[in-house]
Protein backbone atom coordinates (compact mmCIF):
# COMPACT_ATOMS: atom_id res chain seq x y z
CA UNK A 1 -21.41 -9.62 2.25
CA UNK A 2 -22.93 -6.28 3.19
CA UNK A 3 -19.65 -4.47 3.79
CA UNK A 4 -21.22 -1.03 4.05
CA UNK A 5 -23.33 -2.04 7.04
CA UNK A 6 -20.44 -3.86 8.69
CA UNK A 7 -18.15 -0.87 8.24
CA UNK A 8 -20.76 1.45 9.76
CA UNK A 9 -21.20 -0.76 12.84
CA UNK A 10 -17.51 -1.19 13.55
CA UNK A 11 -16.81 2.51 12.99
CA UNK A 12 -19.64 3.46 15.32
CA UNK A 13 -18.03 1.25 17.97
CA UNK A 14 -14.65 2.85 17.27
CA UNK A 15 -16.12 6.33 17.78
CA UNK A 16 -17.66 5.12 21.06
CA UNK A 17 -14.26 3.86 22.20
CA UNK A 18 -12.68 7.24 21.42
CA UNK A 19 -15.36 9.11 23.34
CA UNK A 20 -15.07 6.83 26.38
CA UNK A 21 -11.28 7.03 26.24
CA UNK A 22 -11.33 10.83 26.22
CA UNK A 23 -13.92 10.87 29.02
CA UNK A 24 -11.80 8.53 31.18
CA UNK A 25 -8.69 10.68 30.69
CA UNK A 26 -10.57 13.87 31.54
CA UNK A 27 -12.17 12.29 34.60
CA UNK A 28 -8.79 11.04 35.82
CA UNK A 29 -7.69 14.68 35.97
CA UNK A 30 -10.70 15.83 38.02
CA UNK A 31 -11.30 15.47 41.72
CA UNK A 32 -15.07 15.32 41.47
CA UNK A 33 -17.38 13.38 39.12
CA UNK A 34 -19.06 15.13 36.22
CA UNK A 35 -22.32 13.48 37.16
CA UNK A 36 -22.41 11.12 40.14
CA UNK A 37 -22.96 10.63 43.81
CA UNK A 38 -19.39 11.09 45.06
CA UNK A 39 -16.79 8.73 46.41
CA UNK A 40 -17.51 5.55 48.34
CA UNK A 41 -14.59 5.53 50.77
CA UNK A 42 -16.61 3.69 53.39
CA UNK A 43 -16.94 0.71 51.01
CA UNK A 44 -13.46 0.37 49.42
CA UNK A 45 -9.93 1.04 50.75
CA UNK A 46 -8.63 4.56 50.31
CA UNK A 47 -5.66 3.21 48.29
CA UNK A 48 -8.03 1.81 45.66
CA UNK A 49 -9.88 5.11 45.47
CA UNK A 50 -6.67 6.99 44.75
CA UNK A 51 -5.28 4.30 42.45
CA UNK A 52 -8.37 4.15 40.26
CA UNK A 53 -7.54 7.61 38.88
CA UNK A 54 -4.43 6.22 37.20
CA UNK A 55 -6.37 3.11 36.14
CA UNK A 56 -8.78 5.34 34.26
CA UNK A 57 -5.86 7.12 32.62
CA UNK A 58 -4.42 3.81 31.40
CA UNK A 59 -7.82 2.61 30.19
CA UNK A 60 -8.38 5.89 28.38
CA UNK A 61 -5.06 5.61 26.55
CA UNK A 62 -5.77 1.98 25.60
CA UNK A 63 -9.21 2.87 24.27
CA UNK A 64 -7.73 5.63 22.11
CA UNK A 65 -4.98 3.33 20.87
CA UNK A 66 -7.35 0.52 19.89
CA UNK A 67 -9.84 2.78 18.08
CA UNK A 68 -8.01 2.61 14.68
CA UNK A 69 -7.95 -1.19 14.99
CA UNK A 70 -11.68 -1.23 15.71
CA UNK A 71 -12.22 0.98 12.66
CA UNK A 72 -10.56 -1.70 10.53
CA UNK A 73 -12.23 -4.67 12.22
CA UNK A 74 -9.19 -5.96 14.14
CA UNK A 75 -9.89 -8.97 16.36
CA UNK A 76 -7.17 -8.07 18.89
CA UNK A 77 -8.53 -4.53 19.09
CA UNK A 78 -11.96 -5.96 19.93
CA UNK A 79 -10.50 -8.11 22.74
CA UNK A 80 -8.44 -5.27 24.24
CA UNK A 81 -11.28 -2.74 23.98
CA UNK A 82 -13.78 -5.12 25.56
CA UNK A 83 -11.36 -5.76 28.43
CA UNK A 84 -10.80 -2.02 28.86
CA UNK A 85 -14.55 -1.33 28.79
CA UNK A 86 -15.22 -3.94 31.49
CA UNK A 87 -12.33 -2.61 33.58
CA UNK A 88 -13.75 0.88 33.12
CA UNK A 89 -17.12 -0.30 34.46
CA UNK A 90 -15.31 -1.41 37.64
CA UNK A 91 -12.94 1.56 37.89
CA UNK A 92 -15.52 4.34 37.80
CA UNK A 93 -17.27 3.35 41.08
CA UNK A 94 -13.88 3.04 42.83
CA UNK A 95 -13.01 6.67 42.06
CA UNK A 96 -16.51 8.13 42.00
CA UNK A 97 -19.89 6.58 41.51
CA UNK A 98 -19.93 8.31 38.12
CA UNK A 99 -23.21 7.68 36.31
CA UNK A 100 -22.03 8.78 32.87
CA UNK A 101 -18.75 6.89 32.94
CA UNK A 102 -20.24 3.67 34.29
CA UNK A 103 -23.17 3.81 31.87
CA UNK A 104 -20.95 4.59 28.87
CA UNK A 105 -18.59 1.73 29.78
CA UNK A 106 -21.51 -0.70 30.04
CA UNK A 107 -22.92 0.53 26.72
CA UNK A 108 -19.57 0.11 24.93
CA UNK A 109 -19.07 -3.38 26.37
CA UNK A 110 -22.55 -4.37 25.21
CA UNK A 111 -22.00 -2.94 21.74
CA UNK A 112 -18.72 -4.80 21.43
CA UNK A 113 -20.30 -8.11 22.43
CA UNK A 114 -23.18 -7.58 20.00
CA UNK A 115 -20.87 -6.64 17.12
CA UNK A 116 -18.35 -9.46 17.65
CA UNK A 117 -18.73 -10.92 14.10
CA UNK A 118 -17.78 -7.55 12.59
CA UNK A 119 -14.19 -7.82 13.87
CA UNK A 120 -12.56 -10.68 11.94
CA UNK A 121 -9.31 -8.96 10.91
CA UNK A 122 -6.17 -10.83 11.93
CA UNK A 123 -3.07 -9.34 13.45
CA UNK A 124 0.29 -10.18 11.99
CA UNK A 125 1.36 -13.35 13.87
CA UNK A 126 5.12 -12.64 14.10
CA UNK A 127 4.47 -9.00 14.99
CA UNK A 128 1.81 -9.98 17.54
CA UNK A 129 4.25 -12.45 19.08
CA UNK A 130 6.81 -9.69 19.32
CA UNK A 131 4.15 -7.48 20.90
CA UNK A 132 3.42 -10.02 23.64
CA UNK A 133 7.14 -10.57 24.18
CA UNK A 134 7.66 -6.80 24.28
CA UNK A 135 4.99 -6.36 26.96
CA UNK A 136 6.28 -9.25 29.09
CA UNK A 137 9.94 -8.25 28.74
CA UNK A 138 9.19 -4.55 29.16
CA UNK A 139 7.15 -5.05 32.32
CA UNK A 140 9.85 -7.34 33.72
CA UNK A 141 12.48 -4.67 33.12
CA UNK A 142 10.27 -1.99 34.67
CA UNK A 143 9.70 -4.30 37.67
CA UNK A 144 13.45 -4.80 38.13
CA UNK A 145 14.10 -1.07 37.64
CA UNK A 146 11.47 -0.15 40.23
CA UNK A 147 12.55 -2.74 42.79
CA UNK A 148 16.23 -1.82 42.63
CA UNK A 149 15.41 1.88 42.67
CA UNK A 150 13.17 1.66 45.72
CA UNK A 151 15.78 -0.42 47.54
CA UNK A 152 18.88 1.62 46.73
CA UNK A 153 17.25 5.07 46.74
CA UNK A 154 15.69 4.73 50.18
CA UNK A 155 17.20 8.09 51.15
CA UNK A 156 14.84 9.70 48.67
CA UNK A 157 11.83 8.34 50.60
CA UNK A 158 10.47 9.15 54.04
CA UNK A 159 11.49 5.80 55.48
CA UNK A 160 13.97 3.09 54.48
CA UNK A 161 12.55 0.37 52.24
CA UNK A 162 13.79 -3.22 52.70
CA UNK A 163 14.16 -5.49 49.65
CA UNK A 164 10.92 -7.38 50.37
CA UNK A 165 9.17 -4.05 50.81
CA UNK A 166 10.59 -2.88 47.49
CA UNK A 167 9.16 -5.96 45.78
CA UNK A 168 5.77 -5.36 47.36
CA UNK A 169 5.70 -1.65 46.59
CA UNK A 170 6.79 -2.26 42.99
CA UNK A 171 3.85 -4.61 42.51
CA UNK A 172 1.57 -1.95 43.97
CA UNK A 173 3.05 0.70 41.64
CA UNK A 174 2.61 -1.46 38.55
CA UNK A 175 -1.00 -2.11 39.51
CA UNK A 176 -1.41 1.65 39.99
CA UNK A 177 -2.13 1.41 43.70
CA UNK A 178 -0.26 3.90 45.90
CA UNK A 179 2.77 2.28 47.53
CA UNK A 180 2.35 3.29 51.18
CA UNK A 181 5.97 2.61 52.14
CA UNK A 182 7.36 4.32 49.05
CA UNK A 183 6.38 7.86 49.98
CA UNK A 184 8.80 10.28 48.30
CA UNK A 185 10.65 12.72 50.52
CA UNK A 186 12.52 14.53 47.75
CA UNK A 187 11.94 15.76 44.22
CA UNK A 188 14.14 12.96 42.92
CA UNK A 189 12.02 10.39 44.75
CA UNK A 190 8.86 11.81 43.21
CA UNK A 191 10.52 11.74 39.79
CA UNK A 192 11.49 8.09 40.27
CA UNK A 193 7.94 7.00 41.18
CA UNK A 194 6.60 8.87 38.16
CA UNK A 195 9.23 7.28 35.91
CA UNK A 196 8.09 3.80 36.97
CA UNK A 197 4.53 4.59 35.97
CA UNK A 198 5.60 6.24 32.71
CA UNK A 199 7.69 3.15 31.94
CA UNK A 200 4.70 0.92 32.65
CA UNK A 201 2.46 3.00 30.40
CA UNK A 202 5.06 3.08 27.62
CA UNK A 203 5.52 -0.71 27.63
CA UNK A 204 1.75 -1.26 27.48
CA UNK A 205 1.15 1.25 24.70
CA UNK A 206 4.03 0.04 22.53
CA UNK A 207 3.14 -3.60 23.08
CA UNK A 208 -0.51 -3.06 22.15
CA UNK A 209 0.61 -1.14 19.05
CA UNK A 210 2.58 -4.22 17.96
CA UNK A 211 -0.45 -6.43 18.58
CA UNK A 212 -2.66 -4.31 16.35
CA UNK A 213 -0.37 -3.93 13.31
CA UNK A 214 -1.72 -5.22 9.97
CA UNK A 215 -0.56 -8.56 8.59
CA UNK A 216 2.76 -8.22 6.78
CA UNK A 217 2.90 -10.11 3.50
CA UNK A 218 5.79 -12.59 3.59
CA UNK A 219 4.74 -15.55 1.46
CA UNK A 220 6.68 -16.09 -1.74
CA UNK A 221 5.22 -16.99 -5.11
CA UNK A 222 5.95 -20.52 -6.25
CA UNK A 223 6.96 -21.57 -9.74
CA UNK A 224 3.79 -23.67 -9.99
CA UNK A 225 1.62 -20.61 -9.29
CA UNK A 226 3.44 -18.60 -11.93
CA UNK A 227 2.94 -21.41 -14.43
CA UNK A 228 -0.79 -21.48 -13.63
CA UNK A 229 -0.97 -17.75 -14.28
CA UNK A 230 0.91 -18.25 -17.56
CA UNK A 231 -1.73 -20.73 -18.70
CA UNK A 232 -4.54 -18.32 -17.81
CA UNK A 233 -2.80 -15.54 -19.71
CA UNK A 234 -2.55 -17.68 -22.83
CA UNK A 235 -6.28 -18.43 -22.65
CA UNK A 236 -7.70 -15.15 -21.36
CA UNK A 237 -5.05 -12.37 -21.32
CA UNK A 238 -6.63 -9.27 -22.86
CA UNK A 239 -4.85 -6.20 -21.48
CA UNK A 240 -1.67 -4.37 -22.38
CA UNK A 241 -0.18 -4.99 -18.91
CA UNK A 242 -1.13 -8.68 -18.67
CA UNK A 243 2.44 -9.84 -19.34
CA UNK A 244 3.67 -8.11 -16.19
CA UNK A 245 1.57 -10.45 -14.06
CA UNK A 246 4.48 -12.87 -14.47
CA UNK A 247 7.06 -10.56 -12.92
CA UNK A 248 8.46 -11.80 -9.58
CA UNK A 249 7.09 -8.81 -7.66
CA UNK A 250 3.56 -10.23 -7.92
CA UNK A 251 1.56 -12.36 -5.52
CA UNK A 252 -1.48 -14.26 -6.76
CA UNK A 253 -5.01 -14.69 -5.46
CA UNK A 254 -6.95 -17.42 -7.28
CA UNK A 255 -10.69 -17.92 -7.45
CA UNK A 256 -12.10 -21.01 -5.78
CA UNK A 257 -12.54 -22.64 -9.17
CA UNK A 258 -8.95 -21.81 -10.09
CA UNK A 259 -9.91 -20.31 -13.47
CA UNK A 260 -9.39 -16.66 -12.52
CA UNK A 261 -6.64 -14.82 -10.69
CA UNK A 262 -5.62 -11.41 -9.36
CA UNK A 263 -1.97 -10.37 -9.59
CA UNK A 264 -1.15 -7.99 -6.74
CA UNK A 265 1.59 -6.55 -4.58
CA UNK A 266 1.36 -5.65 -0.90
CA UNK A 267 2.97 -2.31 -0.11
CA UNK A 268 2.96 -1.64 3.62
CA UNK A 269 -0.64 -2.37 4.59
CA UNK A 270 -2.13 -1.87 1.11
CA UNK A 271 -2.72 -4.55 -1.52
CA UNK A 272 -2.44 -3.09 -5.02
CA UNK A 273 -3.94 -5.27 -7.77
CA UNK A 274 -2.45 -4.89 -11.22
CA UNK A 275 -5.31 -4.24 -13.64
CA UNK A 276 -8.45 -6.35 -13.96
CA UNK A 277 -8.90 -10.00 -13.00
CA UNK A 278 -7.42 -12.50 -15.44
CA UNK A 279 -9.37 -15.58 -16.44
CA UNK A 280 -12.92 -16.86 -16.77
CA UNK A 281 -15.33 -13.93 -16.31
CA UNK A 282 -17.92 -16.19 -14.67
CA UNK A 283 -15.61 -16.43 -11.62
CA UNK A 284 -14.75 -12.73 -11.38
CA UNK A 285 -17.51 -11.74 -8.95
CA UNK A 286 -16.63 -14.46 -6.45
CA UNK A 287 -12.94 -13.67 -6.91
CA UNK A 288 -13.34 -9.96 -6.11
CA UNK A 289 -15.55 -10.72 -3.10
CA UNK A 290 -13.09 -13.28 -1.73
CA UNK A 291 -10.18 -10.90 -2.24
CA UNK A 292 -12.00 -8.12 -0.38
CA UNK A 293 -12.62 -10.49 2.51
CA UNK A 294 -8.99 -11.64 2.42
CA UNK A 295 -7.74 -8.06 2.62
CA UNK A 296 -10.12 -7.14 5.42
CA UNK A 297 -9.05 -10.19 7.42
CA UNK A 298 -5.45 -9.01 7.07
CA UNK A 299 -6.37 -5.38 7.82
CA UNK A 300 -5.17 -4.26 4.38
CA UNK A 301 -6.49 -1.42 2.30
CA UNK A 302 -6.85 -2.52 -1.31
CA UNK A 303 -7.18 -1.07 -4.79
CA UNK A 304 -7.23 -2.14 -8.43
CA UNK A 305 -4.75 -0.06 -10.43
CA UNK A 306 -4.99 0.77 -14.13
CA UNK A 307 -8.25 -1.08 -14.79
CA UNK A 308 -10.28 -0.82 -17.99
CA UNK A 309 -13.89 0.38 -18.30
CA UNK A 310 -14.94 -3.18 -19.10
CA UNK A 311 -15.54 -4.25 -15.50
CA UNK A 312 -16.47 -0.99 -13.76
CA UNK A 313 -20.00 -2.24 -13.18
CA UNK A 314 -18.63 -5.38 -11.50
CA UNK A 315 -16.54 -3.29 -9.12
CA UNK A 316 -19.51 -1.03 -8.37
CA UNK A 317 -21.57 -4.09 -7.44
CA UNK A 318 -18.98 -4.83 -4.77
CA UNK A 319 -19.18 -1.34 -3.28
CA UNK A 320 -16.03 -0.02 -4.94
CA UNK A 321 -15.46 3.42 -6.44
CA UNK A 322 -13.61 4.32 -9.64
CA UNK A 323 -11.30 7.27 -10.20
CA UNK A 324 -9.98 8.02 -13.66
CA UNK A 325 -6.18 8.20 -13.55
CA UNK A 326 -5.32 8.74 -17.21
CA UNK A 327 -5.72 7.39 -20.70
CA UNK A 328 -4.02 4.62 -22.64
CA UNK A 329 -3.12 5.25 -26.27
CA UNK A 330 -3.73 2.79 -29.12
CA UNK A 331 -2.42 3.50 -32.60
CA UNK A 332 -4.63 2.06 -35.34
CA UNK A 333 -1.77 0.59 -37.31
CA UNK A 334 -3.85 -0.46 -40.31
CA UNK A 335 -4.99 3.14 -40.85
CA UNK A 336 -1.75 4.87 -39.88
CA UNK A 337 0.03 6.64 -42.74
CA UNK A 338 2.84 9.17 -43.04
CA UNK A 339 1.03 11.15 -45.70
CA UNK A 340 -0.86 14.28 -44.69
CA UNK A 341 -0.18 17.37 -42.64
CA UNK A 342 -0.64 15.69 -39.21
CA UNK A 343 2.35 13.38 -39.75
CA UNK A 344 4.57 15.85 -41.63
CA UNK A 345 7.16 15.87 -38.84
CA UNK A 346 7.29 12.06 -38.71
CA UNK A 347 7.58 11.84 -42.46
CA UNK A 348 10.57 14.17 -42.40
CA UNK A 349 12.17 12.11 -39.62
CA UNK A 350 11.75 8.83 -41.48
CA UNK A 351 13.18 10.30 -44.69
CA UNK A 352 16.22 11.58 -42.80
CA UNK A 353 17.01 8.23 -41.19
CA UNK A 354 16.56 6.37 -44.45
CA UNK A 355 18.93 8.76 -46.24
CA UNK A 356 21.50 8.27 -43.51
CA UNK A 357 21.32 4.50 -43.92
CA UNK A 358 19.47 3.59 -40.71
CA UNK A 359 17.25 0.54 -40.72
CA UNK A 360 15.08 -1.53 -38.38
CA UNK A 361 15.22 -5.30 -38.05
CA UNK A 362 13.59 -7.86 -35.77
CA UNK A 363 15.92 -10.13 -33.82
CA UNK A 364 14.90 -13.48 -32.36
CA UNK A 365 16.25 -15.32 -29.31
CA UNK A 366 18.57 -16.81 -28.27
CA UNK A 367 20.85 -13.78 -28.18
CA UNK A 368 24.63 -13.75 -27.98
CA UNK A 369 26.29 -12.18 -24.92
CA UNK A 370 27.84 -9.46 -27.11
CA UNK A 371 24.39 -8.35 -28.30
CA UNK A 372 23.03 -8.27 -24.76
CA UNK A 373 26.01 -6.19 -23.64
CA UNK A 374 25.27 -3.66 -26.38
CA UNK A 375 21.62 -3.49 -25.38
CA UNK A 376 22.70 -2.93 -21.79
CA UNK A 377 24.93 -0.05 -22.89
CA UNK A 378 22.01 1.57 -24.73
CA UNK A 379 19.74 1.04 -21.73
CA UNK A 380 22.28 2.63 -19.39
CA UNK A 381 22.62 5.62 -21.73
CA UNK A 382 18.84 5.99 -21.77
CA UNK A 383 18.69 5.90 -17.97
CA UNK A 384 21.42 8.52 -17.73
CA UNK A 385 19.32 11.03 -19.71
CA UNK A 386 17.23 13.27 -17.47
CA UNK A 387 17.99 11.31 -14.30
CA UNK A 388 15.65 8.46 -15.25
CA UNK A 389 15.25 5.37 -13.11
CA UNK A 390 13.89 1.88 -13.49
CA UNK A 391 10.40 0.97 -12.35
CA UNK A 392 8.29 -2.16 -12.06
CA UNK A 393 4.81 -3.50 -11.29
CA UNK A 394 3.00 -2.33 -14.47
CA UNK A 395 6.33 -1.76 -16.21
CA UNK A 396 9.24 -3.91 -17.30
CA UNK A 397 12.94 -3.48 -16.60
CA UNK A 398 16.18 -4.52 -18.26
CA UNK A 399 16.79 -8.16 -17.51
CA UNK A 400 18.83 -10.47 -19.72
CA UNK A 401 16.79 -13.57 -18.88
CA UNK A 402 13.56 -11.75 -19.75
CA UNK A 403 14.99 -10.47 -23.03
CA UNK A 404 15.85 -14.05 -24.03
CA UNK A 405 12.09 -14.69 -24.13
CA UNK A 406 11.23 -11.71 -26.38
CA UNK A 407 11.73 -10.67 -29.97
CA UNK A 408 13.65 -7.40 -30.22
CA UNK A 409 13.17 -4.66 -32.79
CA UNK A 410 16.57 -3.01 -33.18
CA UNK A 411 17.58 0.15 -35.04
CA UNK A 412 20.98 -0.12 -36.78
CA UNK A 413 23.11 2.70 -38.12
CA UNK A 414 24.72 2.47 -41.55
CA UNK A 415 27.77 0.77 -40.03
CA UNK A 416 25.60 -1.93 -38.43
CA UNK A 417 25.81 -0.57 -34.87
CA UNK A 418 22.61 -0.91 -32.84
CA UNK A 419 21.56 2.53 -31.56
CA UNK A 420 18.06 1.84 -30.21
CA UNK A 421 15.79 -1.10 -29.45
CA UNK A 422 12.40 -2.17 -28.14
CA UNK A 423 11.46 -5.61 -26.86
CA UNK A 424 8.16 -7.04 -28.08
CA UNK A 425 6.05 -8.77 -25.44
CA UNK A 426 3.07 -11.11 -25.81
CA UNK A 427 -0.34 -9.59 -26.50
CA UNK A 428 -2.14 -12.87 -25.71
CA UNK A 429 -5.81 -12.43 -26.69
CA UNK A 430 -5.48 -8.70 -27.30
CA UNK A 431 -5.72 -7.69 -31.00
CA UNK A 432 -3.08 -5.00 -30.46
CA UNK A 433 0.68 -5.27 -30.64
CA UNK A 434 2.51 -4.70 -27.39
CA UNK A 435 6.06 -3.77 -26.48
CA UNK A 436 7.87 -3.04 -23.25
CA UNK A 437 11.19 -1.21 -23.13
CA UNK A 438 11.97 1.49 -25.65
CA UNK A 439 15.60 2.47 -25.16
CA UNK A 440 17.95 4.79 -27.07
CA UNK A 441 20.98 6.97 -26.48
CA UNK A 442 21.26 10.77 -26.82
CA UNK A 443 22.30 10.41 -30.47
CA UNK A 444 20.97 10.37 -33.10
CA UNK A 445 18.22 12.85 -32.33
CA UNK A 446 14.61 11.78 -32.92
CA UNK A 447 15.54 8.08 -33.05
CA UNK A 448 12.56 7.43 -30.73
CA UNK A 449 10.21 8.60 -33.52
CA UNK A 450 11.95 6.29 -35.98
CA UNK A 451 11.63 3.37 -33.56
CA UNK A 452 7.93 4.03 -32.97
CA UNK A 453 7.11 4.14 -36.66
CA UNK A 454 9.14 0.98 -37.22
CA UNK A 455 7.10 -0.75 -34.52
CA UNK A 456 3.87 0.42 -36.14
CA UNK A 457 5.01 -1.07 -39.47
CA UNK A 458 6.01 -4.31 -37.74
CA UNK A 459 2.62 -4.80 -36.11
CA UNK A 460 0.76 -3.81 -39.28
CA UNK A 461 2.59 -6.49 -41.26
CA UNK A 462 1.54 -9.09 -38.70
CA UNK A 463 -2.13 -8.24 -38.97
CA UNK A 464 -2.69 -6.49 -35.67
CA UNK A 465 -5.41 -3.87 -35.56
CA UNK A 466 -3.47 -1.56 -33.26
CA UNK A 467 -0.35 -0.90 -31.22
CA UNK A 468 -0.54 0.00 -27.56
CA UNK A 469 1.68 2.95 -26.66
CA UNK A 470 0.95 2.95 -22.95
CA UNK A 471 -0.62 5.14 -20.31
CA UNK A 472 -0.56 8.92 -20.26
CA UNK A 473 -1.08 9.46 -16.50
CA UNK A 474 -3.47 12.16 -15.29
CA UNK A 475 -4.49 13.11 -18.84
CA UNK A 476 -8.03 13.28 -20.19
CA UNK A 477 -9.49 14.08 -16.79
CA UNK A 478 -11.42 17.18 -17.83
CA UNK A 479 -15.15 16.66 -17.95
CA UNK A 480 -18.31 18.67 -17.71
CA UNK A 481 -20.09 19.00 -14.40
CA UNK A 482 -18.77 18.51 -10.89
CA UNK A 483 -15.45 16.84 -10.22
CA UNK A 484 -14.51 15.11 -6.98
CA UNK A 485 -11.69 16.64 -4.89
CA UNK A 486 -9.41 13.79 -5.97
CA UNK A 487 -10.19 14.41 -9.65
CA UNK A 488 -9.57 18.12 -9.25
CA UNK A 489 -6.21 17.44 -7.58
CA UNK A 490 -5.18 15.08 -10.38
CA UNK A 491 -6.30 17.52 -13.08
CA UNK A 492 -4.34 20.32 -11.41
CA UNK A 493 -1.27 18.09 -11.14
CA UNK A 494 -1.49 17.31 -14.86
CA UNK A 495 -1.93 20.94 -15.93
CA UNK A 496 0.35 22.68 -13.42
CA UNK A 497 2.75 20.02 -12.18
CA UNK A 498 5.15 19.91 -15.10
CA UNK A 499 7.94 21.19 -12.86
CA UNK A 500 7.70 17.90 -10.93
CA UNK A 501 6.47 15.44 -13.55
CA UNK A 502 6.53 15.12 -17.31
CA UNK A 503 3.06 13.66 -17.75
CA UNK A 504 1.90 16.41 -20.07
CA UNK A 505 5.01 16.06 -22.23
CA UNK A 506 4.39 12.32 -22.44
CA UNK A 507 0.88 12.88 -23.76
CA UNK A 508 2.14 15.41 -26.32
CA UNK A 509 4.87 13.04 -27.50
CA UNK A 510 2.44 10.19 -28.05
CA UNK A 511 -0.10 12.41 -29.79
CA UNK A 512 2.26 12.54 -32.77
CA UNK A 513 1.23 8.99 -33.65
CA UNK A 514 -2.50 9.82 -33.78
CA UNK A 515 -3.66 7.32 -31.14
CA UNK A 516 -7.15 6.61 -29.91
CA UNK A 517 -7.30 7.18 -26.17
CA UNK A 518 -9.05 4.81 -23.76
CA UNK A 519 -9.65 5.66 -20.06
CA UNK A 520 -7.96 3.81 -17.23
CA UNK A 521 -9.09 3.86 -13.61
CA UNK A 522 -8.05 3.32 -10.04
CA UNK A 523 -10.74 1.34 -8.19
CA UNK A 524 -10.80 1.65 -4.40
CA UNK A 525 -13.11 1.20 -1.43
CA UNK A 526 -12.94 4.39 0.62
CA UNK A 527 -12.14 8.06 0.04
CA UNK A 528 -10.39 8.14 3.42
CA UNK A 529 -7.98 5.44 2.24
CA UNK A 530 -7.26 7.17 -1.08
CA UNK A 531 -4.14 9.12 0.00
CA UNK A 532 -2.55 5.97 1.40
CA UNK A 533 -3.54 3.98 -1.68
CA UNK A 534 -2.05 6.62 -3.98
CA UNK A 535 1.22 6.41 -2.05
CA UNK A 536 1.16 2.61 -2.21
CA UNK A 537 0.59 2.67 -5.98
CA UNK A 538 3.58 4.98 -6.39
CA UNK A 539 5.75 2.78 -4.19
CA UNK A 540 4.62 -0.42 -5.93
CA UNK A 541 6.63 0.52 -9.00
CA UNK A 542 9.85 1.28 -7.14
CA UNK A 543 12.74 -1.15 -7.60
CA UNK A 544 14.97 -0.89 -4.53
CA UNK A 545 16.78 -4.22 -4.64
CA UNK A 546 18.00 -6.80 -7.09
CA UNK A 547 15.52 -9.50 -7.98
CA UNK A 548 16.62 -13.16 -7.97
CA UNK A 549 16.58 -13.51 -11.74
CA UNK A 550 18.20 -10.16 -12.48
CA UNK A 551 21.40 -9.77 -14.47
CA UNK A 552 24.44 -9.34 -12.21
CA UNK A 553 25.45 -5.95 -13.57
CA UNK A 554 23.81 -2.90 -12.05
CA UNK A 555 20.25 -2.37 -11.00
CA UNK A 556 17.40 -3.51 -13.30
CA UNK A 557 16.24 -1.00 -15.84
CA UNK A 558 13.19 -0.36 -18.00
CA UNK A 559 10.02 1.50 -18.76
CA UNK A 560 6.93 -0.15 -20.20
CA UNK A 561 5.71 1.25 -23.49
CA UNK A 562 8.25 4.01 -23.53
CA UNK A 563 7.29 5.04 -20.00
CA UNK A 564 6.97 8.51 -18.55
CA UNK A 565 10.49 9.40 -19.67
CA UNK A 566 9.65 8.95 -23.34
CA UNK A 567 8.03 12.37 -23.28
CA UNK A 568 11.48 13.91 -23.09
CA UNK A 569 12.80 12.04 -26.12
């Protein structure tokens, strides 16, 4: 699918709708045409001539309101705009035989008819239903309001209005034709007539807004789908965040062959995919193309968050752009040693903990309730430090059911009390060890260093080539040559934004373990959508409610690979 051409055509139509809408509104305020041959009062009734001015105002507002929907290929926007363009063709001669307005309306209607296939995006069915109900109910209320007002406020008009006359004049008001009997005699009467028309306009605008809203994701993820993803992870999983595809905040989009899948979350009107596709690479191209079409049909922006360099060429082939968002650290555990000047601080830390009788051991499920309660206490202490909070999407969180599926590396004091822990998660096909939460209390100091080194030793003994220590957001962005505005903003945030974030401290903390850094990217379709996508990515990780499988005590809690907060440890 040639999306670039399609986007250009629909956006050209959207610009045309904006221009015609503005022109109609301006013309409705003028008494003479900008370019025409004057009024045709000898052909049409004078009421229609006067009423067409307000018709043009309504059509102008509708054209402006539908332009964003046209920009995104909305089917309802196409229908409403085409109707408004045709009505505009008829309205211009009634007010003035305006050459520009009539010609522009005909041109827009023709362009819309010719570009019909470029507007496939669906509206949200429940929201669209509410929109229709809103318009019908709203107009009914305005009709009742106008009828009763004209009947009971007849003193405000030049002549009394009977109930049947009020019904007739209300219909004329709603169709923007002057109500001859309802001629105001006072300021209050004029205000009332204006309020009827404002109410009519408001109901139309709000109803159309409901019709054009993007599809809201409501479908749940079934257990069968999650099991299918689990099978694909066992066969193909090759990223540090692959395990989090199984979290209940994910929706799944499978390839037609069923051997590849995208794990994503819809935030507002943006679909955020977690990492790269999972599965058989031969189905990735079709999968990405189908997902793009799926998002465009639903009027969603979309992005792939925290992807590896491995598939950047694939994304580029589908018209997508890549923005570096940070670097992921990998400790080469087979080469890591505490000897040498670079690890002097770590060597001192390990010697101290060994002298004090601390040790690390690996625990295996199932776990006793008393152990889980102790881990919860440590997790809560960790969260209380520095006003930390739990996150999700590409991160884990404290959940007793999830912990029962993981080995746990625990640090014990000399009296046997657990003072820190990390849960080890599957690496699947990745040759690097992987862990999720890294939790510890305020004492003893530097226990995070001890826990990291213990994890490195654990993965070395099991033959892994490396240990993934997670993403350092916004780091490693400096490069020679020109940088895009987005890259410059991210680089500035990393270097100067320490008063808001601790990204730089996170990088410095992880540097102690001598990792090799690999770039990670955000892949997106349009620079104009980037601010909204960035906000959606940030919101995707927020945990604002309890999940069905969450432990009953407190909100869930965790940070993948030590998380951003580790930098303060």
